[in-house]
């Protein structure tokens, strides 16, 4: 979790560098240094939000996987029971 937040915080800082590069302004000015923590905080909060989204999606996918596995198990049990009934019926009709 921490690595995603740090990555997006770094991405926020990189965004500020690109912004200043496009404007052709100096990257480090004494009066504008407060902006870097702001961009890092915005990027880090986006990374934190994105991690929450990922956790919710993984949880939802696991629930659906469990539902499908249970459904397939019930279907296999039902088909196994039907095949035994059919085999018994065929043997009874041929004797």
PDB file of N, CA and C in Angstrom:
ATOM      1  N   UNK A   1       0.817  -1.183   0.000  1.00  0.00           N
ATOM      2  CA  UNK A   1       0.000   0.000   0.000  1.00  0.00           C
ATOM      3  C   UNK A   1       0.867   1.255   0.000  1.00  0.00           C
ATOM      4  N   UNK A   2       1.902   1.246   0.780  1.00  0.00           N
ATOM      5  CA  UNK A   2       2.749   2.426   0.902  1.00  0.00           C
ATOM      6  C   UNK A   2       3.451   2.722  -0.426  1.00  0.00           C
ATOM      7  N   UNK A   3       3.837   1.682  -1.154  1.00  0.00           N
ATOM      8  CA  UNK A   3       4.544   1.918  -2.409  1.00  0.00           C
ATOM      9  C   UNK A   3       3.650   2.601  -3.439  1.00  0.00           C
ATOM     10  N   UNK A   4       2.362   2.305  -3.437  1.00  0.00           N
ATOM     11  CA  UNK A   4       1.455   2.986  -4.371  1.00  0.00           C
ATOM     12  C   UNK A   4       1.297   4.457  -4.003  1.00  0.00           C
ATOM     13  N   UNK A   5       1.196   4.728  -2.724  1.00  0.00           N
ATOM     14  CA  UNK A   5       1.048   6.120  -2.284  1.00  0.00           C
ATOM     15  C   UNK A   5       2.319   6.902  -2.609  1.00  0.00           C
ATOM     16  N   UNK A   6       3.481   6.301  -2.342  1.00  0.00           N
ATOM     17  CA  UNK A   6       4.747   6.979  -2.652  1.00  0.00           C
ATOM     18  C   UNK A   6       4.911   7.194  -4.156  1.00  0.00           C
ATOM     19  N   UNK A   7       4.498   6.209  -4.951  1.00  0.00           N
ATOM     20  CA  UNK A   7       4.590   6.371  -6.394  1.00  0.00           C
ATOM     21  C   UNK A   7       3.758   7.556  -6.864  1.00  0.00           C
ATOM     22  N   UNK A   8       2.511   7.635  -6.404  1.00  0.00           N
ATOM     23  CA  UNK A   8       1.642   8.720  -6.857  1.00  0.00           C
ATOM     24  C   UNK A   8       2.074  10.067  -6.284  1.00  0.00           C
ATOM     25  N   UNK A   9       2.674  10.066  -5.111  1.00  0.00           N
ATOM     26  CA  UNK A   9       3.232  11.319  -4.588  1.00  0.00           C
ATOM     27  C   UNK A   9       4.390  11.776  -5.468  1.00  0.00           C
ATOM     28  N   UNK A  10       5.235  10.856  -5.867  1.00  0.00           N
ATOM     29  CA  UNK A  10       6.319  11.179  -6.799  1.00  0.00           C
ATOM     30  C   UNK A  10       5.791  11.629  -8.145  1.00  0.00           C
ATOM     31  N   UNK A  11       4.693  11.026  -8.573  1.00  0.00           N
ATOM     32  CA  UNK A  11       4.070  11.440  -9.831  1.00  0.00           C
ATOM     33  C   UNK A  11       3.560  12.879  -9.726  1.00  0.00           C
ATOM     34  N   UNK A  12       3.028  13.244  -8.561  1.00  0.00           N
ATOM     35  CA  UNK A  12       2.579  14.618  -8.352  1.00  0.00           C
ATOM     36  C   UNK A  12       3.732  15.607  -8.438  1.00  0.00           C
ATOM     37  N   UNK A  13       4.856  15.249  -7.847  1.00  0.00           N
ATOM     38  CA  UNK A  13       6.036  16.116  -7.907  1.00  0.00           C
ATOM     39  C   UNK A  13       6.545  16.205  -9.353  1.00  0.00           C
ATOM     40  N   UNK A  14       6.563  15.068 -10.053  1.00  0.00           N
ATOM     41  CA  UNK A  14       6.983  15.073 -11.455  1.00  0.00           C
ATOM     42  C   UNK A  14       6.059  15.943 -12.300  1.00  0.00           C
ATOM     43  N   UNK A  15       4.777  15.940 -11.962  1.00  0.00           N
ATOM     44  CA  UNK A  15       3.824  16.798 -12.669  1.00  0.00           C
ATOM     45  C   UNK A  15       4.190  18.265 -12.486  1.00  0.00           C
ATOM     46  N   UNK A  16       4.592  18.626 -11.287  1.00  0.00           N
ATOM     47  CA  UNK A  16       5.000  20.009 -11.027  1.00  0.00           C
ATOM     48  C   UNK A  16       6.258  20.358 -11.829  1.00  0.00           C
ATOM     49  N   UNK A  17       7.219  19.426 -11.903  1.00  0.00           N
ATOM     50  CA  UNK A  17       8.417  19.664 -12.705  1.00  0.00           C
ATOM     51  C   UNK A  17       8.054  19.893 -14.174  1.00  0.00           C
ATOM     52  N   UNK A  18       7.158  19.069 -14.695  1.00  0.00           N
ATOM     53  CA  UNK A  18       6.746  19.212 -16.096  1.00  0.00           C
ATOM     54  C   UNK A  18       6.040  20.548 -16.295  1.00  0.00           C
ATOM     55  N   UNK A  19       5.182  20.905 -15.354  1.00  0.00           N
ATOM     56  CA  UNK A  19       4.477  22.180 -15.452  1.00  0.00           C
ATOM     57  C   UNK A  19       5.474  23.348 -15.517  1.00  0.00           C
ATOM     58  N   UNK A  20       6.447  23.357 -14.632  1.00  0.00           N
ATOM     59  CA  UNK A  20       7.440  24.428 -14.636  1.00  0.00           C
ATOM     60  C   UNK A  20       8.323  24.376 -15.881  1.00  0.00           C
ATOM     61  N   UNK A  21       8.581  23.178 -16.378  1.00  0.00           N
ATOM     62  CA  UNK A  21       9.371  23.043 -17.600  1.00  0.00           C
ATOM     63  C   UNK A  21       8.642  23.616 -18.803  1.00  0.00           C
ATOM     64  N   UNK A  22       7.339  23.375 -18.873  1.00  0.00           N
ATOM     65  CA  UNK A  22       6.555  23.922 -19.975  1.00  0.00           C
ATOM     66  C   UNK A  22       6.529  25.446 -19.903  1.00  0.00           C
ATOM     67  N   UNK A  23       6.413  25.971 -18.699  1.00  0.00           N
ATOM     68  CA  UNK A  23       6.394  27.426 -18.521  1.00  0.00           C
ATOM     69  C   UNK A  23       7.787  28.045 -18.612  1.00  0.00           C
ATOM     70  N   UNK A  24       8.820  27.185 -18.679  1.00  0.00           N
ATOM     71  CA  UNK A  24      10.226  27.624 -18.733  1.00  0.00           C
ATOM     72  C   UNK A  24      10.579  28.497 -17.538  1.00  0.00           C
ATOM     73  N   UNK A  25      10.140  28.066 -16.375  1.00  0.00           N
ATOM     74  CA  UNK A  25      10.457  28.760 -15.126  1.00  0.00           C
ATOM     75  C   UNK A  25      11.463  27.932 -14.352  1.00  0.00           C
ATOM     76  N   UNK A  26      12.200  28.537 -13.443  1.00  0.00           N
ATOM     77  CA  UNK A  26      13.155  27.770 -12.625  1.00  0.00           C
ATOM     78  C   UNK A  26      12.417  26.730 -11.772  1.00  0.00           C
ATOM     79  N   UNK A  27      13.031  25.564 -11.633  1.00  0.00           N
ATOM     80  CA  UNK A  27      12.382  24.473 -10.894  1.00  0.00           C
ATOM     81  C   UNK A  27      12.345  24.749  -9.391  1.00  0.00           C
ATOM     82  N   UNK A  28      13.359  25.414  -8.868  1.00  0.00           N
ATOM     83  CA  UNK A  28      13.410  25.662  -7.435  1.00  0.00           C
ATOM     84  C   UNK A  28      13.511  27.163  -7.177  1.00  0.00           C
ATOM     85  N   UNK A  29      12.406  27.759  -6.748  1.00  0.00           N
ATOM     86  CA  UNK A  29      12.396  29.153  -6.332  1.00  0.00           C
ATOM     87  C   UNK A  29      12.059  29.185  -4.858  1.00  0.00           C
ATOM     88  N   UNK A  30      12.672  30.071  -4.154  1.00  0.00           N
ATOM     89  CA  UNK A  30      12.495  30.126  -2.710  1.00  0.00           C
ATOM     90  C   UNK A  30      11.026  30.360  -2.338  1.00  0.00           C
ATOM     91  N   UNK A  31      10.325  31.206  -3.028  1.00  0.00           N
ATOM     92  CA  UNK A  31       8.949  31.522  -2.665  1.00  0.00           C
ATOM     93  C   UNK A  31       7.925  30.497  -3.122  1.00  0.00           C
ATOM     94  N   UNK A  32       8.328  29.577  -3.985  1.00  0.00           N
ATOM     95  CA  UNK A  32       7.363  28.622  -4.542  1.00  0.00           C
ATOM     96  C   UNK A  32       7.637  27.183  -4.102  1.00  0.00           C
ATOM     97  N   UNK A  33       8.412  26.996  -3.074  1.00  0.00           N
ATOM     98  CA  UNK A  33       8.731  25.634  -2.621  1.00  0.00           C
ATOM     99  C   UNK A  33       7.562  24.951  -1.907  1.00  0.00           C
ATOM    100  N   UNK A  34       6.588  25.713  -1.438  1.00  0.00           N
ATOM    101  CA  UNK A  34       5.452  25.136  -0.737  1.00  0.00           C
ATOM    102  C   UNK A  34       4.554  24.329  -1.682  1.00  0.00           C
ATOM    103  N   UNK A  35       4.707  24.530  -2.989  1.00  0.00           N
ATOM    104  CA  UNK A  35       3.835  23.861  -3.954  1.00  0.00           C
ATOM    105  C   UNK A  35       4.197  22.378  -4.092  1.00  0.00           C
ATOM    106  N   UNK A  36       5.477  22.034  -3.915  1.00  0.00           N
ATOM    107  CA  UNK A  36       5.883  20.640  -4.075  1.00  0.00           C
ATOM    108  C   UNK A  36       5.200  19.709  -3.068  1.00  0.00           C
ATOM    109  N   UNK A  37       5.148  20.053  -1.780  1.00  0.00           N
ATOM    110  CA  UNK A  37       4.392  19.182  -0.866  1.00  0.00           C
ATOM    111  C   UNK A  37       2.900  19.126  -1.200  1.00  0.00           C
ATOM    112  N   UNK A  38       2.367  20.214  -1.734  1.00  0.00           N
ATOM    113  CA  UNK A  38       0.961  20.218  -2.138  1.00  0.00           C
ATOM    114  C   UNK A  38       0.725  19.214  -3.262  1.00  0.00           C
ATOM    115  N   UNK A  39       1.568  19.246  -4.297  1.00  0.00           N
ATOM    116  CA  UNK A  39       1.427  18.310  -5.411  1.00  0.00           C
ATOM    117  C   UNK A  39       1.667  16.878  -4.933  1.00  0.00           C
ATOM    118  N   UNK A  40       2.636  16.687  -4.045  1.00  0.00           N
ATOM    119  CA  UNK A  40       2.895  15.347  -3.510  1.00  0.00           C
ATOM    120  C   UNK A  40       1.705  14.860  -2.689  1.00  0.00           C
ATOM    121  N   UNK A  41       1.103  15.754  -1.918  1.00  0.00           N
ATOM    122  CA  UNK A  41      -0.067  15.369  -1.123  1.00  0.00           C
ATOM    123  C   UNK A  41      -1.258  15.011  -1.990  1.00  0.00           C
ATOM    124  N   UNK A  42      -1.483  15.773  -3.039  1.00  0.00           N
ATOM    125  CA  UNK A  42      -2.596  15.470  -3.951  1.00  0.00           C
ATOM    126  C   UNK A  42      -2.349  14.129  -4.646  1.00  0.00           C
ATOM    127  N   UNK A  43      -1.121  13.924  -5.124  1.00  0.00           N
ATOM    128  CA  UNK A  43      -0.797  12.649  -5.766  1.00  0.00           C
ATOM    129  C   UNK A  43      -0.894  11.481  -4.799  1.00  0.00           C
ATOM    130  N   UNK A  44      -0.407  11.677  -3.561  1.00  0.00           N
ATOM    131  CA  UNK A  44      -0.481  10.611  -2.557  1.00  0.00           C
ATOM    132  C   UNK A  44      -1.903  10.287  -2.169  1.00  0.00           C
ATOM    133  N   UNK A  45      -2.754  11.299  -2.066  1.00  0.00           N
ATOM    134  CA  UNK A  45      -4.155  11.028  -1.731  1.00  0.00           C
ATOM    135  C   UNK A  45      -4.852  10.304  -2.869  1.00  0.00           C
ATOM    136  N   UNK A  46      -4.481  10.619  -4.115  1.00  0.00           N
ATOM    137  CA  UNK A  46      -5.031   9.874  -5.250  1.00  0.00           C
ATOM    138  C   UNK A  46      -4.589   8.415  -5.191  1.00  0.00           C
ATOM    139  N   UNK A  47      -3.315   8.177  -4.847  1.00  0.00           N
ATOM    140  CA  UNK A  47      -2.823   6.806  -4.712  1.00  0.00           C
ATOM    141  C   UNK A  47      -3.533   6.050  -3.598  1.00  0.00           C
ATOM    142  N   UNK A  48      -3.815   6.734  -2.498  1.00  0.00           N
ATOM    143  CA  UNK A  48      -4.546   6.110  -1.388  1.00  0.00           C
ATOM    144  C   UNK A  48      -5.962   5.741  -1.829  1.00  0.00           C
ATOM    145  N   UNK A  49      -6.624   6.644  -2.546  1.00  0.00           N
ATOM    146  CA  UNK A  49      -7.974   6.373  -3.050  1.00  0.00           C
ATOM    147  C   UNK A  49      -7.950   5.210  -4.037  1.00  0.00           C
ATOM    148  N   UNK A  50      -6.944   5.201  -4.921  1.00  0.00           N
ATOM    149  CA  UNK A  50      -6.831   4.149  -5.923  1.00  0.00           C
ATOM    150  C   UNK A  50      -6.591   2.788  -5.268  1.00  0.00           C
ATOM    151  N   UNK A  51      -5.836   2.757  -4.178  1.00  0.00           N
ATOM    152  CA  UNK A  51      -5.605   1.507  -3.449  1.00  0.00           C
ATOM    153  C   UNK A  51      -6.918   0.983  -2.857  1.00  0.00           C
ATOM    154  N   UNK A  52      -7.745   1.885  -2.351  1.00  0.00           N
ATOM    155  CA  UNK A  52      -9.052   1.479  -1.838  1.00  0.00           C
ATOM    156  C   UNK A  52      -9.929   0.901  -2.926  1.00  0.00           C
ATOM    157  N   UNK A  53      -9.895   1.511  -4.100  1.00  0.00           N
ATOM    158  CA  UNK A  53     -10.667   0.993  -5.239  1.00  0.00           C
ATOM    159  C   UNK A  53     -10.178  -0.403  -5.601  1.00  0.00           C
ATOM    160  N   UNK A  54      -8.869  -0.578  -5.634  1.00  0.00           N
ATOM    161  CA  UNK A  54      -8.303  -1.883  -5.969  1.00  0.00           C
ATOM    162  C   UNK A  54      -8.707  -2.945  -4.941  1.00  0.00           C
ATOM    163  N   UNK A  55      -8.667  -2.594  -3.669  1.00  0.00           N
ATOM    164  CA  UNK A  55      -9.062  -3.545  -2.619  1.00  0.00           C
ATOM    165  C   UNK A  55     -10.524  -3.952  -2.764  1.00  0.00           C
ATOM    166  N   UNK A  56     -11.393  -2.977  -3.043  1.00  0.00           N
ATOM    167  CA  UNK A  56     -12.814  -3.298  -3.218  1.00  0.00           C
ATOM    168  C   UNK A  56     -13.041  -4.183  -4.437  1.00  0.00           C
ATOM    169  N   UNK A  57     -12.314  -3.940  -5.529  1.00  0.00           N
ATOM    170  CA  UNK A  57     -12.455  -4.765  -6.721  1.00  0.00           C
ATOM    171  C   UNK A  57     -11.963  -6.183  -6.478  1.00  0.00           C
ATOM    172  N   UNK A  58     -10.853  -6.317  -5.775  1.00  0.00           N
ATOM    173  CA  UNK A  58     -10.334  -7.657  -5.472  1.00  0.00           C
ATOM    174  C   UNK A  58     -11.325  -8.423  -4.598  1.00  0.00           C
ATOM    175  N   UNK A  59     -11.919  -7.737  -3.622  1.00  0.00           N
ATOM    176  CA  UNK A  59     -12.896  -8.376  -2.752  1.00  0.00           C
ATOM    177  C   UNK A  59     -14.113  -8.826  -3.557  1.00  0.00           C
ATOM    178  N   UNK A  60     -14.597  -7.973  -4.450  1.00  0.00           N
ATOM    179  CA  UNK A  60     -15.755  -8.311  -5.277  1.00  0.00           C
ATOM    180  C   UNK A  60     -15.441  -9.481  -6.204  1.00  0.00           C
ATOM    181  N   UNK A  61     -14.258  -9.476  -6.813  1.00  0.00           N
ATOM    182  CA  UNK A  61     -13.880 -10.580  -7.696  1.00  0.00           C
ATOM    183  C   UNK A  61     -13.756 -11.898  -6.933  1.00  0.00           C
ATOM    184  N   UNK A  62     -13.237 -11.852  -5.712  1.00  0.00           N
ATOM    185  CA  UNK A  62     -13.125 -13.065  -4.911  1.00  0.00           C
ATOM    186  C   UNK A  62     -14.500 -13.609  -4.555  1.00  0.00           C
ATOM    187  N   UNK A  63     -15.443 -12.719  -4.221  1.00  0.00           N
ATOM    188  CA  UNK A  63     -16.805 -13.161  -3.923  1.00  0.00           C
ATOM    189  C   UNK A  63     -17.440 -13.825  -5.139  1.00  0.00           C
ATOM    190  N   UNK A  64     -17.284 -13.211  -6.297  1.00  0.00           N
ATOM    191  CA  UNK A  64     -17.861 -13.793  -7.514  1.00  0.00           C
ATOM    192  C   UNK A  64     -17.201 -15.118  -7.865  1.00  0.00           C
ATOM    193  N   UNK A  65     -15.893 -15.208  -7.639  1.00  0.00           N
ATOM    194  CA  UNK A  65     -15.185 -16.461  -7.890  1.00  0.00           C
ATOM    195  C   UNK A  65     -15.723 -17.563  -6.979  1.00  0.00           C
ATOM    196  N   UNK A  66     -15.947 -17.234  -5.703  1.00  0.00           N
ATOM    197  CA  UNK A  66     -16.498 -18.216  -4.769  1.00  0.00           C
ATOM    198  C   UNK A  66     -17.900 -18.658  -5.193  1.00  0.00           C
ATOM    199  N   UNK A  67     -18.720 -17.713  -5.641  1.00  0.00           N
ATOM    200  CA  UNK A  67     -20.073 -18.045  -6.093  1.00  0.00           C
ATOM    201  C   UNK A  67     -20.016 -18.983  -7.297  1.00  0.00           C
ATOM    202  N   UNK A  68     -19.152 -18.674  -8.270  1.00  0.00           N
ATOM    203  CA  UNK A  68     -19.037 -19.523  -9.459  1.00  0.00           C
ATOM    204  C   UNK A  68     -18.496 -20.910  -9.118  1.00  0.00           C
ATOM    205  N   UNK A  69     -17.539 -20.971  -8.209  1.00  0.00           N
ATOM    206  CA  UNK A  69     -16.988 -22.259  -7.808  1.00  0.00           C
ATOM    207  C   UNK A  69     -18.058 -23.118  -7.150  1.00  0.00           C
ATOM    208  N   UNK A  70     -18.843 -22.520  -6.270  1.00  0.00           N
ATOM    209  CA  UNK A  70     -19.932 -23.258  -5.612  1.00  0.00           C
ATOM    210  C   UNK A  70     -20.977 -23.699  -6.633  1.00  0.00           C
ATOM    211  N   UNK A  71     -21.294 -22.854  -7.577  1.00  0.00           N
ATOM    212  CA  UNK A  71     -22.274 -23.193  -8.615  1.00  0.00           C
ATOM    213  C   UNK A  71     -21.782 -24.360  -9.467  1.00  0.00           C
ATOM    214  N   UNK A  72     -20.508 -24.338  -9.849  1.00  0.00           N
ATOM    215  CA  UNK A  72     -19.944 -25.431 -10.637  1.00  0.00           C
ATOM    216  C   UNK A  72     -19.911 -26.735  -9.843  1.00  0.00           C
ATOM    217  N   UNK A  73     -19.631 -26.621  -8.547  1.00  0.00           N
ATOM    218  CA  UNK A  73     -19.604 -27.812  -7.688  1.00  0.00           C
ATOM    219  C   UNK A  73     -20.996 -28.442  -7.617  1.00  0.00           C
ATOM    220  N   UNK A  74     -22.032 -27.588  -7.431  1.00  0.00           N
ATOM    221  CA  UNK A  74     -23.401 -28.118  -7.385  1.00  0.00           C
ATOM    222  C   UNK A  74     -23.801 -28.749  -8.713  1.00  0.00           C
ATOM    223  N   UNK A  75     -23.396 -28.122  -9.830  1.00  0.00           N
ATOM    224  CA  UNK A  75     -23.722 -28.665 -11.141  1.00  0.00           C
ATOM    225  C   UNK A  75     -23.048 -30.020 -11.347  1.00  0.00           C
ATOM    226  N   UNK A  76     -21.782 -30.146 -10.942  1.00  0.00           N
ATOM    227  CA  UNK A  76     -21.060 -31.411 -11.087  1.00  0.00           C
ATOM    228  C   UNK A  76     -21.713 -32.503 -10.244  1.00  0.00           C
ATOM    229  N   UNK A  77     -22.141 -32.161  -9.035  1.00  0.00           N
ATOM    230  CA  UNK A  77     -22.818 -33.149  -8.184  1.00  0.00           C
ATOM    231  C   UNK A  77     -24.149 -33.567  -8.805  1.00  0.00           C
ATOM    232  N   UNK A  78     -24.871 -32.606  -9.344  1.00  0.00           N
ATOM    233  CA  UNK A  78     -26.166 -32.914  -9.966  1.00  0.00           C
ATOM    234  C   UNK A  78     -25.976 -33.794 -11.202  1.00  0.00           C
ATOM    235  N   UNK A  79     -24.994 -33.484 -12.049  1.00  0.00           N
ATOM    236  CA  UNK A  79     -24.752 -34.290 -13.245  1.00  0.00           C
ATOM    237  C   UNK A  79     -24.239 -35.678 -12.895  1.00  0.00           C
ATOM    238  N   UNK A  80     -23.455 -35.790 -11.830  1.00  0.00           N
ATOM    239  CA  UNK A  80     -22.977 -37.113 -11.398  1.00  0.00           C
ATOM    240  C   UNK A  80     -24.149 -37.959 -10.936  1.00  0.00           C
ATOM    241  N   UNK A  81     -25.115 -37.369 -10.253  1.00  0.00           N
ATOM    242  CA  UNK A  81     -26.301 -38.103  -9.806  1.00  0.00           C
ATOM    243  C   UNK A  81     -27.178 -38.509 -10.974  1.00  0.00           C
ATOM    244  N   UNK A  82     -27.308 -37.651 -11.963  1.00  0.00           N
ATOM    245  CA  UNK A  82     -28.120 -37.969 -13.142  1.00  0.00           C
ATOM    246  C   UNK A  82     -27.501 -39.082 -13.960  1.00  0.00           C
ATOM    247  N   UNK A  83     -26.181 -39.116 -14.080  1.00  0.00           N
ATOM    248  CA  UNK A  83     -25.526 -40.151 -14.882  1.00  0.00           C
ATOM    249  C   UNK A  83     -25.688 -41.522 -14.226  1.00  0.00           C
ATOM    250  N   UNK A  84     -25.722 -41.564 -12.884  1.00  0.00           N
ATOM    251  CA  UNK A  84     -25.928 -42.839 -12.204  1.00  0.00           C
ATOM    252  C   UNK A  84     -27.350 -43.342 -12.447  1.00  0.00           C
ATOM    253  N   UNK A  85     -28.333 -42.438 -12.446  1.00  0.00           N
ATOM    254  CA  UNK A  85     -29.722 -42.827 -12.693  1.00  0.00           C
ATOM    255  C   UNK A  85     -29.876 -43.318 -14.121  1.00  0.00           C
ATOM    256  N   UNK A  86     -29.244 -42.650 -15.089  1.00  0.00           N
ATOM    257  CA  UNK A  86     -29.328 -43.069 -16.482  1.00  0.00           C
ATOM    258  C   UNK A  86     -28.680 -44.430 -16.686  1.00  0.00           C
ATOM    259  N   UNK A  87     -27.547 -44.671 -16.053  1.00  0.00           N
ATOM    260  CA  UNK A  87     -26.860 -45.960 -16.179  1.00  0.00           C
ATOM    261  C   UNK A  87     -27.723 -47.070 -15.614  1.00  0.00           C
ATOM    262  N   UNK A  88     -28.343 -46.842 -14.490  1.00  0.00           N
ATOM    263  CA  UNK A  88     -29.217 -47.853 -13.898  1.00  0.00           C
ATOM    264  C   UNK A  88     -30.429 -48.104 -14.797  1.00  0.00           C
ATOM    265  N   UNK A  89     -30.977 -47.093 -15.406  1.00  0.00           N
ATOM    266  CA  UNK A  89     -32.124 -47.253 -16.300  1.00  0.00           C
ATOM    267  C   UNK A  89     -31.764 -48.020 -17.549  1.00  0.00           C
ATOM    268  N   UNK A  90     -30.592 -47.775 -18.108  1.00  0.00           N
ATOM    269  CA  UNK A  90     -30.144 -48.480 -19.320  1.00  0.00           C
ATOM    270  C   UNK A  90     -29.887 -49.932 -19.004  1.00  0.00           C
ATOM    271  N   UNK A  91     -29.246 -50.222 -17.880  1.00  0.00           N
ATOM    272  CA  UNK A  91     -28.994 -51.612 -17.517  1.00  0.00           C
ATOM    273  C   UNK A  91     -30.301 -52.351 -17.246  1.00  0.00           C
ATOM    274  N   UNK A  92     -31.266 -51.703 -16.638  1.00  0.00           N
ATOM    275  CA  UNK A  92     -32.547 -52.365 -16.353  1.00  0.00           C
ATOM    276  C   UNK A  92     -33.308 -52.640 -17.642  1.00  0.00           C
ATOM    277  N   UNK A  93     -33.216 -51.762 -18.620  1.00  0.00           N
ATOM    278  CA  UNK A  93     -33.973 -51.963 -19.853  1.00  0.00           C
ATOM    279  C   UNK A  93     -33.327 -52.997 -20.761  1.00  0.00           C
ATOM    280  N   UNK A  94     -32.034 -53.233 -20.651  1.00  0.00           N
ATOM    281  CA  UNK A  94     -31.363 -54.201 -21.504  1.00  0.00           C
ATOM    282  C   UNK A  94     -31.342 -55.597 -20.927  1.00  0.00           C
ATOM    283  N   UNK A  95     -31.709 -55.788 -19.669  1.00  0.00           N
ATOM    284  CA  UNK A  95     -31.658 -57.131 -19.089  1.00  0.00           C
ATOM    285  C   UNK A  95     -32.884 -57.917 -19.376  1.00  0.00           C
TER     286      UNK A  95
END
